[in-house]
Amino acid sequence: MKQMMSVAAKAVSVVSLCVLAACSTTSPDVIKPGDAQRLSQVADGVVLNVRPVVVEGSQSGIGGGSGAVIGGIAGAGSTSNSRGSAMAGVAGAVVGAVVGNAVERFGTRESAVEILLQLSTGERRAIVQATGNETFNPGDAVILVTTGGKTRVMRAPRVGTQR
């Protein structure tokens, strides 16, 4: 029984790592291979306001399903009585599904910022992106880079005379 629980605990750890490794990111510092070497649209803007937000984690069902299978196996192997084993398996599956879903949801959450911008055209826009290497403050000159329907904000390069 202890051996079965140890195997189940290791399996939960492996599934948790797989779920976390499969996470996608909204980070402005990560470019997908399909977006490399593509011409992007660029617009100038100024930051009006920045506030921290959280991008909610995904609940694709992979975490819950994996947790249910692992919990069911662990529960079913916990007793030698066939009726008790079946009941423990069902209880283990339910608990495993809840735990697996929570691991997936919280493991895929991202810290982000909502940036309110004034474009050079006078229009105002807001964008949410994961917290990256750059920080933004009201009054900062920025550019919006749009590639493949996705937009990211980055600091505008400083243009000046060279000496």
C-alpha atoms as a PDB file:
ATOM      1  CA  MET A   1       0.000   0.000   0.000  1.00  0.00           C
ATOM      2  CA  LYS A   2       2.791   2.441   0.868  1.00  0.00           C
ATOM      3  CA  GLN A   3       4.488   1.573  -2.392  1.00  0.00           C
ATOM      4  CA  MET A   4       1.267   2.336  -4.341  1.00  0.00           C
ATOM      5  CA  MET A   5       0.900   5.701  -2.583  1.00  0.00           C
ATOM      6  CA  SER A   6       4.525   6.552  -3.357  1.00  0.00           C
ATOM      7  CA  VAL A   7       3.986   5.724  -7.034  1.00  0.00           C
ATOM      8  CA  ALA A   8       0.809   7.850  -7.061  1.00  0.00           C
ATOM      9  CA  ALA A   9       2.602  10.792  -5.416  1.00  0.00           C
ATOM     10  CA  LYS A  10       5.386  10.611  -8.005  1.00  0.00           C
ATOM     11  CA  ALA A  11       2.820  10.440 -10.801  1.00  0.00           C
ATOM     12  CA  VAL A  12       1.038  13.534  -9.453  1.00  0.00           C
ATOM     13  CA  SER A  13       4.372  15.377  -9.410  1.00  0.00           C
ATOM     14  CA  VAL A  14       5.132  14.372 -13.001  1.00  0.00           C
ATOM     15  CA  VAL A  15       1.650  15.377 -14.209  1.00  0.00           C
ATOM     16  CA  SER A  16       1.915  18.706 -12.377  1.00  0.00           C
ATOM     17  CA  LEU A  17       5.231  19.450 -14.060  1.00  0.00           C
ATOM     18  CA  CYS A  18       3.818  18.479 -17.461  1.00  0.00           C
ATOM     19  CA  VAL A  19       0.827  20.760 -16.986  1.00  0.00           C
ATOM     20  CA  LEU A  20       3.062  23.642 -15.954  1.00  0.00           C
ATOM     21  CA  ALA A  21       5.492  23.022 -18.808  1.00  0.00           C
ATOM     22  CA  ALA A  22       2.640  23.150 -21.312  1.00  0.00           C
ATOM     23  CA  CYS A  23       1.608  26.626 -20.146  1.00  0.00           C
ATOM     24  CA  SER A  24       1.598  29.363 -22.697  1.00  0.00           C
ATOM     25  CA  THR A  25       2.761  32.812 -21.783  1.00  0.00           C
ATOM     26  CA  THR A  26       1.646  36.316 -22.627  1.00  0.00           C
ATOM     27  CA  SER A  27       5.091  37.708 -21.851  1.00  0.00           C
ATOM     28  CA  PRO A  28       6.205  40.486 -24.186  1.00  0.00           C
ATOM     29  CA  ASP A  29       9.721  39.054 -23.928  1.00  0.00           C
ATOM     30  CA  VAL A  30       8.757  35.692 -25.500  1.00  0.00           C
ATOM     31  CA  ILE A  31       8.258  35.584 -29.268  1.00  0.00           C
ATOM     32  CA  LYS A  32       6.689  32.524 -30.891  1.00  0.00           C
ATOM     33  CA  PRO A  33       8.682  30.973 -33.760  1.00  0.00           C
ATOM     34  CA  GLY A  34       5.900  31.762 -36.254  1.00  0.00           C
ATOM     35  CA  ASP A  35       6.179  35.475 -35.413  1.00  0.00           C
ATOM     36  CA  ALA A  36       9.924  35.680 -36.062  1.00  0.00           C
ATOM     37  CA  GLN A  37      11.012  37.384 -39.279  1.00  0.00           C
ATOM     38  CA  ARG A  38       7.535  38.823 -39.887  1.00  0.00           C
ATOM     39  CA  LEU A  39       6.877  42.442 -40.666  1.00  0.00           C
ATOM     40  CA  SER A  40       4.904  44.054 -37.840  1.00  0.00           C
ATOM     41  CA  GLN A  41       2.752  47.162 -37.596  1.00  0.00           C
ATOM     42  CA  VAL A  42       4.136  49.788 -35.206  1.00  0.00           C
ATOM     43  CA  ALA A  43       2.271  52.694 -33.576  1.00  0.00           C
ATOM     44  CA  ASP A  44       3.558  55.435 -31.259  1.00  0.00           C
ATOM     45  CA  GLY A  45       1.941  56.156 -27.932  1.00  0.00           C
ATOM     46  CA  VAL A  46       2.323  57.557 -24.445  1.00  0.00           C
ATOM     47  CA  VAL A  47       1.510  55.699 -21.221  1.00  0.00           C
ATOM     48  CA  LEU A  48      -1.366  57.275 -19.293  1.00  0.00           C
ATOM     49  CA  ASN A  49      -1.708  54.707 -16.505  1.00  0.00           C
ATOM     50  CA  VAL A  50      -0.392  51.285 -15.466  1.00  0.00           C
ATOM     51  CA  ARG A  51      -1.975  48.910 -12.998  1.00  0.00           C
ATOM     52  CA  PRO A  52      -1.066  45.381 -11.919  1.00  0.00           C
ATOM     53  CA  VAL A  53      -3.517  42.601 -12.844  1.00  0.00           C
ATOM     54  CA  VAL A  54      -3.499  38.797 -12.875  1.00  0.00           C
ATOM     55  CA  VAL A  55      -4.179  36.743 -16.004  1.00  0.00           C
ATOM     56  CA  GLU A  56      -6.317  33.869 -14.729  1.00  0.00           C
ATOM     57  CA  GLY A  57      -4.920  30.390 -15.227  1.00  0.00           C
ATOM     58  CA  SER A  58      -6.341  27.899 -17.688  1.00  0.00           C
ATOM     59  CA  GLN A  59      -8.737  25.104 -16.837  1.00  0.00           C
ATOM     60  CA  SER A  60      -8.462  22.891 -19.888  1.00  0.00           C
ATOM     61  CA  GLY A  61      -9.472  19.741 -18.003  1.00  0.00           C
ATOM     62  CA  ILE A  62      -6.044  18.157 -18.371  1.00  0.00           C
ATOM     63  CA  GLY A  63      -5.179  18.781 -14.722  1.00  0.00           C
ATOM     64  CA  GLY A  64      -8.552  17.547 -13.469  1.00  0.00           C
ATOM     65  CA  GLY A  65      -8.551  14.485 -15.709  1.00  0.00           C
ATOM     66  CA  SER A  66      -4.996  13.525 -14.801  1.00  0.00           C
ATOM     67  CA  GLY A  67      -5.701  14.068 -11.128  1.00  0.00           C
ATOM     68  CA  ALA A  68      -8.840  11.917 -11.320  1.00  0.00           C
ATOM     69  CA  VAL A  69      -6.971   9.015 -12.916  1.00  0.00           C
ATOM     70  CA  ILE A  70      -4.086   9.188 -10.454  1.00  0.00           C
ATOM     71  CA  GLY A  71      -6.386   9.676  -7.468  1.00  0.00           C
ATOM     72  CA  GLY A  72      -8.602   6.788  -8.570  1.00  0.00           C
ATOM     73  CA  ILE A  73      -5.651   4.450  -8.930  1.00  0.00           C
ATOM     74  CA  ALA A  74      -4.196   5.529  -5.593  1.00  0.00           C
ATOM     75  CA  GLY A  75      -7.560   5.214  -3.857  1.00  0.00           C
ATOM     76  CA  ALA A  76      -8.379   1.823  -5.352  1.00  0.00           C
ATOM     77  CA  GLY A  77      -5.027   0.417  -4.295  1.00  0.00           C
ATOM     78  CA  SER A  78      -5.385   1.618  -0.709  1.00  0.00           C
ATOM     79  CA  THR A  79      -7.541  -1.278   0.567  1.00  0.00           C
ATOM     80  CA  SER A  80      -7.732  -5.023  -0.047  1.00  0.00           C
ATOM     81  CA  ASN A  81     -11.554  -5.224   0.228  1.00  0.00           C
ATOM     82  CA  SER A  82     -13.056  -5.011  -3.306  1.00  0.00           C
ATOM     83  CA  ARG A  83     -16.090  -2.930  -2.234  1.00  0.00           C
ATOM     84  CA  GLY A  84     -13.956  -0.671  -0.096  1.00  0.00           C
ATOM     85  CA  SER A  85     -11.427  -0.475  -2.905  1.00  0.00           C
ATOM     86  CA  ALA A  86     -14.079   0.703  -5.369  1.00  0.00           C
ATOM     87  CA  MET A  87     -15.368   3.339  -2.940  1.00  0.00           C
ATOM     88  CA  ALA A  88     -11.848   4.512  -2.163  1.00  0.00           C
ATOM     89  CA  GLY A  89     -11.108   4.625  -5.896  1.00  0.00           C
ATOM     90  CA  VAL A  90     -14.131   6.859  -6.542  1.00  0.00           C
ATOM     91  CA  ALA A  91     -13.257   9.114  -3.602  1.00  0.00           C
ATOM     92  CA  GLY A  92      -9.629   9.250  -4.765  1.00  0.00           C
ATOM     93  CA  ALA A  93     -10.745  10.171  -8.291  1.00  0.00           C
ATOM     94  CA  VAL A  94     -12.924  13.039  -7.022  1.00  0.00           C
ATOM     95  CA  VAL A  95     -10.211  14.405  -4.742  1.00  0.00           C
ATOM     96  CA  GLY A  96      -7.590  13.928  -7.470  1.00  0.00           C
ATOM     97  CA  ALA A  97      -9.737  15.816 -10.000  1.00  0.00           C
ATOM     98  CA  VAL A  98     -10.194  18.767  -7.634  1.00  0.00           C
ATOM     99  CA  VAL A  99      -6.494  18.886  -6.767  1.00  0.00           C
ATOM    100  CA  GLY A 100      -5.404  18.449 -10.401  1.00  0.00           C
ATOM    101  CA  ASN A 101      -7.718  21.246 -11.550  1.00  0.00           C
ATOM    102  CA  ALA A 102      -6.381  23.586  -8.843  1.00  0.00           C
ATOM    103  CA  VAL A 103      -2.771  22.758  -9.749  1.00  0.00           C
ATOM    104  CA  GLU A 104      -3.452  23.568 -13.400  1.00  0.00           C
ATOM    105  CA  ARG A 105      -5.356  26.790 -12.653  1.00  0.00           C
ATOM    106  CA  PHE A 106      -2.881  28.233 -10.183  1.00  0.00           C
ATOM    107  CA  GLY A 107       0.145  26.926 -12.066  1.00  0.00           C
ATOM    108  CA  THR A 108      -0.847  28.773 -15.231  1.00  0.00           C
ATOM    109  CA  ARG A 109      -1.652  32.152 -13.639  1.00  0.00           C
ATOM    110  CA  GLU A 110       0.506  35.084 -14.691  1.00  0.00           C
ATOM    111  CA  SER A 111       1.282  38.452 -13.163  1.00  0.00           C
ATOM    112  CA  ALA A 112       0.495  41.133 -15.724  1.00  0.00           C
ATOM    113  CA  VAL A 113      -0.062  44.852 -16.200  1.00  0.00           C
ATOM    114  CA  GLU A 114      -2.892  46.732 -17.824  1.00  0.00           C
ATOM    115  CA  ILE A 115      -1.444  49.697 -19.711  1.00  0.00           C
ATOM    116  CA  LEU A 116      -3.678  52.619 -20.693  1.00  0.00           C
ATOM    117  CA  LEU A 117      -2.211  54.434 -23.695  1.00  0.00           C
ATOM    118  CA  GLN A 118      -2.762  57.608 -25.721  1.00  0.00           C
ATOM    119  CA  LEU A 119      -1.828  57.001 -29.363  1.00  0.00           C
ATOM    120  CA  SER A 120      -0.292  59.693 -31.545  1.00  0.00           C
ATOM    121  CA  THR A 121      -3.645  59.800 -33.412  1.00  0.00           C
ATOM    122  CA  GLY A 122      -5.371  60.904 -30.190  1.00  0.00           C
ATOM    123  CA  GLU A 123      -7.097  57.552 -29.675  1.00  0.00           C
ATOM    124  CA  ARG A 124      -6.860  55.810 -26.313  1.00  0.00           C
ATOM    125  CA  ARG A 125      -6.240  52.090 -25.993  1.00  0.00           C
ATOM    126  CA  ALA A 126      -5.696  49.628 -23.177  1.00  0.00           C
ATOM    127  CA  ILE A 127      -3.676  46.424 -23.370  1.00  0.00           C
ATOM    128  CA  VAL A 128      -2.935  43.686 -20.865  1.00  0.00           C
ATOM    129  CA  GLN A 129       0.400  41.913 -21.122  1.00  0.00           C
ATOM    130  CA  ALA A 130       2.436  39.759 -18.782  1.00  0.00           C
ATOM    131  CA  THR A 131       5.015  41.529 -16.688  1.00  0.00           C
ATOM    132  CA  GLY A 132       8.213  41.600 -18.725  1.00  0.00           C
ATOM    133  CA  ASN A 133      11.666  43.078 -18.375  1.00  0.00           C
ATOM    134  CA  GLU A 134      10.452  46.637 -18.996  1.00  0.00           C
ATOM    135  CA  THR A 135       8.490  48.718 -16.521  1.00  0.00           C
ATOM    136  CA  PHE A 136       6.176  51.474 -17.649  1.00  0.00           C
ATOM    137  CA  ASN A 137       5.252  54.739 -15.956  1.00  0.00           C
ATOM    138  CA  PRO A 138       2.784  57.469 -16.913  1.00  0.00           C
ATOM    139  CA  GLY A 139       4.377  59.782 -19.468  1.00  0.00           C
ATOM    140  CA  ASP A 140       6.686  57.119 -20.955  1.00  0.00           C
ATOM    141  CA  ALA A 141       6.945  57.119 -24.749  1.00  0.00           C
ATOM    142  CA  VAL A 142       6.136  53.629 -26.040  1.00  0.00           C
ATOM    143  CA  ILE A 143       5.477  51.793 -29.255  1.00  0.00           C
ATOM    144  CA  LEU A 144       2.808  49.195 -29.894  1.00  0.00           C
ATOM    145  CA  VAL A 145       4.053  46.317 -32.028  1.00  0.00           C
ATOM    146  CA  THR A 146       1.319  44.240 -33.672  1.00  0.00           C
ATOM    147  CA  THR A 147       2.245  40.911 -35.254  1.00  0.00           C
ATOM    148  CA  GLY A 148      -0.241  38.252 -36.291  1.00  0.00           C
ATOM    149  CA  GLY A 149      -3.119  39.964 -34.512  1.00  0.00           C
ATOM    150  CA  LYS A 150      -1.290  40.181 -31.169  1.00  0.00           C
ATOM    151  CA  THR A 151       0.002  43.473 -29.791  1.00  0.00           C
ATOM    152  CA  ARG A 152       2.736  44.118 -27.250  1.00  0.00           C
ATOM    153  CA  VAL A 153       3.939  47.358 -25.707  1.00  0.00           C
ATOM    154  CA  MET A 154       7.606  48.274 -25.448  1.00  0.00           C
ATOM    155  CA  ARG A 155       9.590  51.399 -24.672  1.00  0.00           C
ATOM    156  CA  ALA A 156      10.123  53.667 -27.656  1.00  0.00           C
ATOM    157  CA  PRO A 157      13.736  53.770 -28.757  1.00  0.00           C
ATOM    158  CA  ARG A 158      15.447  57.067 -28.041  1.00  0.00           C
ATOM    159  CA  VAL A 159      16.166  58.916 -31.252  1.00  0.00           C
ATOM    160  CA  GLY A 160      18.592  61.776 -31.109  1.00  0.00           C
ATOM    161  CA  THR A 161      21.619  63.329 -32.690  1.00  0.00           C
ATOM    162  CA  GLN A 162      24.839  61.471 -32.220  1.00  0.00           C
ATOM    163  CA  ARG A 163      27.993  63.324 -31.313  1.00  0.00           C
END
